[in-house]
């Protein structure tokens, strides 16, 4: 037997069996968790893909924040314009 080969255990003890079962259980859990990870650009190995993924999420967040602010300001300007028209009409 060379020094790189592990000795073959013909009668494993209960502790070795317990450890092998635990390793097998952990490998099963890992496969389950890897299957649940979504396939999104932000988790890619490619740097450029990750950068565009982050930029896309940034743009989406900016739109979600900017659209309500824009809508409220337009409504405010509209009502301010109506108020100015009514006040300037002399009635």
N, C-alpha and C. Protein backbone atom coordinates (compact mmCIF):
# COMPACT_ATOMS: atom_id res chain seq x y z
N UNK A 1 0.85 -1.17 0.00
CA UNK A 1 0.00 0.00 0.00
C UNK A 1 0.90 1.24 0.00
N UNK A 2 0.61 2.20 -0.88
CA UNK A 2 1.40 3.43 -0.93
C UNK A 2 0.94 4.37 0.18
N UNK A 3 1.70 5.44 0.38
CA UNK A 3 1.39 6.35 1.49
C UNK A 3 0.20 7.26 1.20
N UNK A 4 -0.23 7.37 -0.08
CA UNK A 4 -1.37 8.21 -0.42
C UNK A 4 -2.71 7.49 -0.27
N UNK A 5 -2.69 6.19 -0.22
CA UNK A 5 -3.93 5.43 -0.10
C UNK A 5 -4.36 5.31 1.35
N UNK A 6 -5.65 5.47 1.58
CA UNK A 6 -6.18 5.30 2.93
C UNK A 6 -6.37 3.82 3.20
N UNK A 7 -6.16 3.40 4.43
CA UNK A 7 -6.37 1.98 4.73
C UNK A 7 -7.85 1.61 4.60
N UNK A 8 -8.12 0.41 4.13
CA UNK A 8 -9.49 -0.06 3.94
C UNK A 8 -9.97 -0.66 5.25
N UNK A 9 -11.09 -0.16 5.72
CA UNK A 9 -11.66 -0.67 6.97
C UNK A 9 -12.71 -1.70 6.59
N UNK A 10 -12.50 -2.93 7.00
CA UNK A 10 -13.45 -3.99 6.64
C UNK A 10 -14.60 -4.06 7.62
N UNK A 11 -14.39 -3.69 8.85
CA UNK A 11 -15.48 -3.71 9.84
C UNK A 11 -15.56 -2.33 10.48
N UNK A 12 -16.32 -1.43 9.90
CA UNK A 12 -16.40 -0.07 10.46
C UNK A 12 -17.09 -0.07 11.82
N UNK A 13 -16.60 0.76 12.66
CA UNK A 13 -17.20 0.88 13.98
C UNK A 13 -18.47 1.72 13.90
N UNK A 14 -19.19 1.73 14.98
CA UNK A 14 -20.45 2.49 15.02
C UNK A 14 -20.21 3.98 14.84
N UNK A 15 -19.07 4.46 15.35
CA UNK A 15 -18.77 5.89 15.23
C UNK A 15 -18.51 6.27 13.78
N UNK A 16 -17.80 5.43 13.05
CA UNK A 16 -17.53 5.70 11.64
C UNK A 16 -18.83 5.68 10.85
N UNK A 17 -19.69 4.73 11.12
CA UNK A 17 -20.98 4.67 10.44
C UNK A 17 -21.81 5.91 10.74
N UNK A 18 -21.78 6.35 11.99
CA UNK A 18 -22.53 7.55 12.37
C UNK A 18 -22.00 8.76 11.61
N UNK A 19 -20.69 8.88 11.52
CA UNK A 19 -20.10 10.01 10.80
C UNK A 19 -20.41 9.94 9.31
N UNK A 20 -20.37 8.76 8.74
CA UNK A 20 -20.71 8.62 7.32
C UNK A 20 -22.16 8.98 7.07
N UNK A 21 -23.05 8.56 7.95
CA UNK A 21 -24.46 8.92 7.81
C UNK A 21 -24.66 10.43 7.93
N UNK A 22 -23.90 11.04 8.84
CA UNK A 22 -24.02 12.49 9.02
C UNK A 22 -23.52 13.23 7.78
N UNK A 23 -22.41 12.76 7.22
CA UNK A 23 -21.88 13.39 6.00
C UNK A 23 -22.89 13.23 4.86
N UNK A 24 -23.47 12.07 4.75
CA UNK A 24 -24.47 11.84 3.69
C UNK A 24 -25.68 12.76 3.89
N UNK A 25 -26.12 12.92 5.14
CA UNK A 25 -27.24 13.82 5.42
C UNK A 25 -26.90 15.26 5.08
N UNK A 26 -25.66 15.68 5.40
CA UNK A 26 -25.25 17.04 5.07
C UNK A 26 -25.15 17.24 3.56
N UNK A 27 -24.68 16.24 2.83
CA UNK A 27 -24.63 16.34 1.38
C UNK A 27 -26.04 16.44 0.79
N UNK A 28 -26.98 15.72 1.35
CA UNK A 28 -28.37 15.81 0.89
C UNK A 28 -28.95 17.19 1.16
N UNK A 29 -28.65 17.74 2.35
CA UNK A 29 -29.12 19.08 2.67
C UNK A 29 -28.52 20.12 1.71
N UNK A 30 -27.23 19.95 1.39
CA UNK A 30 -26.57 20.87 0.48
C UNK A 30 -27.20 20.83 -0.90
N UNK A 31 -27.51 19.65 -1.39
CA UNK A 31 -28.18 19.53 -2.70
C UNK A 31 -29.55 20.20 -2.67
N UNK A 32 -30.28 20.04 -1.58
CA UNK A 32 -31.60 20.67 -1.46
C UNK A 32 -31.47 22.19 -1.46
N UNK A 33 -30.49 22.71 -0.71
CA UNK A 33 -30.32 24.16 -0.65
C UNK A 33 -29.83 24.72 -1.98
N UNK A 34 -28.94 24.00 -2.66
CA UNK A 34 -28.47 24.47 -3.96
C UNK A 34 -29.60 24.50 -4.98
N UNK A 35 -30.54 23.60 -4.86
CA UNK A 35 -31.68 23.58 -5.79
C UNK A 35 -32.61 24.77 -5.54
N UNK A 36 -32.62 25.29 -4.32
CA UNK A 36 -33.51 26.40 -3.98
C UNK A 36 -32.93 27.77 -4.33
N UNK A 37 -31.63 27.85 -4.60
CA UNK A 37 -31.00 29.13 -4.93
C UNK A 37 -31.46 29.56 -6.32
N UNK A 38 -32.01 30.77 -6.44
CA UNK A 38 -32.50 31.21 -7.75
C UNK A 38 -31.35 31.47 -8.72
N UNK A 39 -31.64 31.35 -9.99
CA UNK A 39 -30.64 31.59 -11.03
C UNK A 39 -30.78 33.04 -11.48
N UNK A 40 -30.14 33.94 -10.72
CA UNK A 40 -30.21 35.37 -11.03
C UNK A 40 -28.81 35.88 -11.35
N UNK A 41 -28.75 36.98 -12.08
CA UNK A 41 -27.47 37.52 -12.53
C UNK A 41 -26.59 37.95 -11.36
N UNK A 42 -27.18 38.38 -10.28
CA UNK A 42 -26.40 38.91 -9.17
C UNK A 42 -25.59 37.81 -8.47
N UNK A 43 -25.95 36.54 -8.70
CA UNK A 43 -25.21 35.42 -8.11
C UNK A 43 -24.30 34.73 -9.13
N UNK A 44 -24.10 35.34 -10.28
CA UNK A 44 -23.30 34.75 -11.34
C UNK A 44 -21.81 34.79 -10.99
N UNK A 45 -21.04 33.91 -11.60
CA UNK A 45 -19.58 33.93 -11.44
C UNK A 45 -18.94 35.01 -12.31
N UNK A 46 -19.65 35.45 -13.34
CA UNK A 46 -19.14 36.45 -14.27
C UNK A 46 -19.29 37.85 -13.65
N UNK A 47 -18.18 38.58 -13.58
CA UNK A 47 -18.18 39.92 -12.97
C UNK A 47 -19.09 40.89 -13.72
N UNK A 48 -19.05 40.85 -15.04
CA UNK A 48 -19.86 41.78 -15.82
C UNK A 48 -21.35 41.51 -15.62
N UNK A 49 -21.72 40.23 -15.55
CA UNK A 49 -23.11 39.89 -15.31
C UNK A 49 -23.57 40.36 -13.93
N UNK A 50 -22.71 40.20 -12.93
CA UNK A 50 -23.06 40.68 -11.59
C UNK A 50 -23.21 42.19 -11.57
N UNK A 51 -22.34 42.89 -12.28
CA UNK A 51 -22.40 44.36 -12.31
C UNK A 51 -23.71 44.83 -12.95
N UNK A 52 -24.10 44.22 -14.07
CA UNK A 52 -25.36 44.60 -14.70
C UNK A 52 -26.56 44.20 -13.85
N UNK A 53 -26.45 43.10 -13.11
CA UNK A 53 -27.52 42.70 -12.21
C UNK A 53 -27.73 43.71 -11.10
N UNK A 54 -26.63 44.17 -10.51
CA UNK A 54 -26.72 45.20 -9.46
C UNK A 54 -27.27 46.50 -10.02
N UNK A 55 -26.80 46.88 -11.22
CA UNK A 55 -27.29 48.11 -11.85
C UNK A 55 -28.78 48.02 -12.16
N UNK A 56 -29.24 46.85 -12.59
CA UNK A 56 -30.66 46.67 -12.86
C UNK A 56 -31.51 46.82 -11.61
N UNK A 57 -31.05 46.23 -10.51
CA UNK A 57 -31.79 46.38 -9.25
C UNK A 57 -31.76 47.83 -8.77
N UNK A 58 -30.64 48.52 -9.01
CA UNK A 58 -30.55 49.93 -8.64
C UNK A 58 -31.57 50.76 -9.43
N UNK A 59 -31.66 50.52 -10.75
CA UNK A 59 -32.62 51.26 -11.57
C UNK A 59 -34.06 50.97 -11.15
N UNK A 60 -34.35 49.72 -10.84
CA UNK A 60 -35.69 49.36 -10.41
C UNK A 60 -36.05 50.07 -9.11
N UNK A 61 -35.12 50.08 -8.15
CA UNK A 61 -35.38 50.77 -6.88
C UNK A 61 -35.55 52.27 -7.10
N UNK A 62 -34.75 52.85 -7.99
CA UNK A 62 -34.87 54.28 -8.28
C UNK A 62 -36.24 54.60 -8.88
N UNK A 63 -36.72 53.75 -9.79
CA UNK A 63 -38.04 53.98 -10.37
C UNK A 63 -39.15 53.84 -9.33
N UNK A 64 -39.03 52.85 -8.47
CA UNK A 64 -40.04 52.65 -7.43
C UNK A 64 -40.12 53.86 -6.52
N UNK A 65 -38.98 54.49 -6.27
CA UNK A 65 -38.97 55.68 -5.40
C UNK A 65 -39.39 56.93 -6.18
N UNK A 66 -38.93 57.07 -7.42
CA UNK A 66 -39.14 58.31 -8.17
C UNK A 66 -40.56 58.48 -8.69
N UNK A 67 -41.21 57.41 -9.10
CA UNK A 67 -42.54 57.53 -9.70
C UNK A 67 -43.56 58.11 -8.72
N UNK A 68 -43.66 57.64 -7.47
CA UNK A 68 -44.61 58.27 -6.55
C UNK A 68 -44.27 59.73 -6.24
N UNK A 69 -42.97 60.04 -6.14
CA UNK A 69 -42.59 61.43 -5.88
C UNK A 69 -42.99 62.31 -7.06
N UNK A 70 -42.75 61.84 -8.27
CA UNK A 70 -43.13 62.58 -9.47
C UNK A 70 -44.65 62.77 -9.54
N UNK A 71 -45.39 61.71 -9.24
CA UNK A 71 -46.85 61.79 -9.29
C UNK A 71 -47.37 62.78 -8.25
N UNK A 72 -46.84 62.75 -7.05
CA UNK A 72 -47.29 63.70 -6.01
C UNK A 72 -46.95 65.13 -6.39
N UNK A 73 -45.78 65.34 -6.96
CA UNK A 73 -45.42 66.71 -7.34
C UNK A 73 -46.29 67.21 -8.50
N UNK A 74 -46.63 66.35 -9.44
CA UNK A 74 -47.52 66.75 -10.54
C UNK A 74 -48.91 67.08 -10.01
N UNK A 75 -49.42 66.26 -9.09
CA UNK A 75 -50.73 66.56 -8.50
C UNK A 75 -50.70 67.88 -7.73
N UNK A 76 -49.61 68.11 -7.00
CA UNK A 76 -49.46 69.37 -6.25
C UNK A 76 -49.43 70.56 -7.19
N UNK A 77 -48.68 70.46 -8.27
CA UNK A 77 -48.63 71.56 -9.24
C UNK A 77 -49.99 71.78 -9.92
N UNK A 78 -50.70 70.69 -10.20
CA UNK A 78 -52.01 70.80 -10.82
C UNK A 78 -52.98 71.55 -9.89
N UNK A 79 -53.02 71.14 -8.62
CA UNK A 79 -53.92 71.82 -7.69
C UNK A 79 -53.48 73.24 -7.39
N UNK A 80 -52.18 73.49 -7.36
CA UNK A 80 -51.69 74.85 -7.18
C UNK A 80 -52.09 75.72 -8.38
N UNK A 81 -52.02 75.13 -9.58
CA UNK A 81 -52.44 75.87 -10.78
C UNK A 81 -53.93 76.17 -10.76
N UNK A 82 -54.74 75.20 -10.33
CA UNK A 82 -56.18 75.44 -10.22
C UNK A 82 -56.47 76.54 -9.21
N UNK A 83 -55.76 76.50 -8.09
CA UNK A 83 -55.95 77.51 -7.06
C UNK A 83 -55.57 78.89 -7.60
N UNK A 84 -54.49 78.97 -8.36
CA UNK A 84 -54.06 80.24 -8.92
C UNK A 84 -55.06 80.76 -9.96
N UNK A 85 -55.64 79.84 -10.75
CA UNK A 85 -56.64 80.24 -11.73
C UNK A 85 -57.90 80.77 -11.04
N UNK A 86 -58.33 80.08 -9.99
CA UNK A 86 -59.53 80.52 -9.28
C UNK A 86 -59.27 81.84 -8.58
N UNK A 87 -58.11 81.99 -7.97
CA UNK A 87 -57.78 83.24 -7.27
C UNK A 87 -57.61 84.39 -8.25
N UNK A 88 -57.12 84.14 -9.43
CA UNK A 88 -56.89 85.20 -10.41
C UNK A 88 -58.11 85.56 -11.22
N UNK A 89 -59.17 84.74 -11.13
CA UNK A 89 -60.36 85.03 -11.95
C UNK A 89 -61.24 86.12 -11.35
N UNK A 90 -61.06 86.47 -10.10
CA UNK A 90 -61.82 87.55 -9.48
C UNK A 90 -63.12 87.12 -8.86
N UNK A 91 -63.41 85.87 -8.81
CA UNK A 91 -64.67 85.43 -8.18
C UNK A 91 -64.48 85.19 -6.74
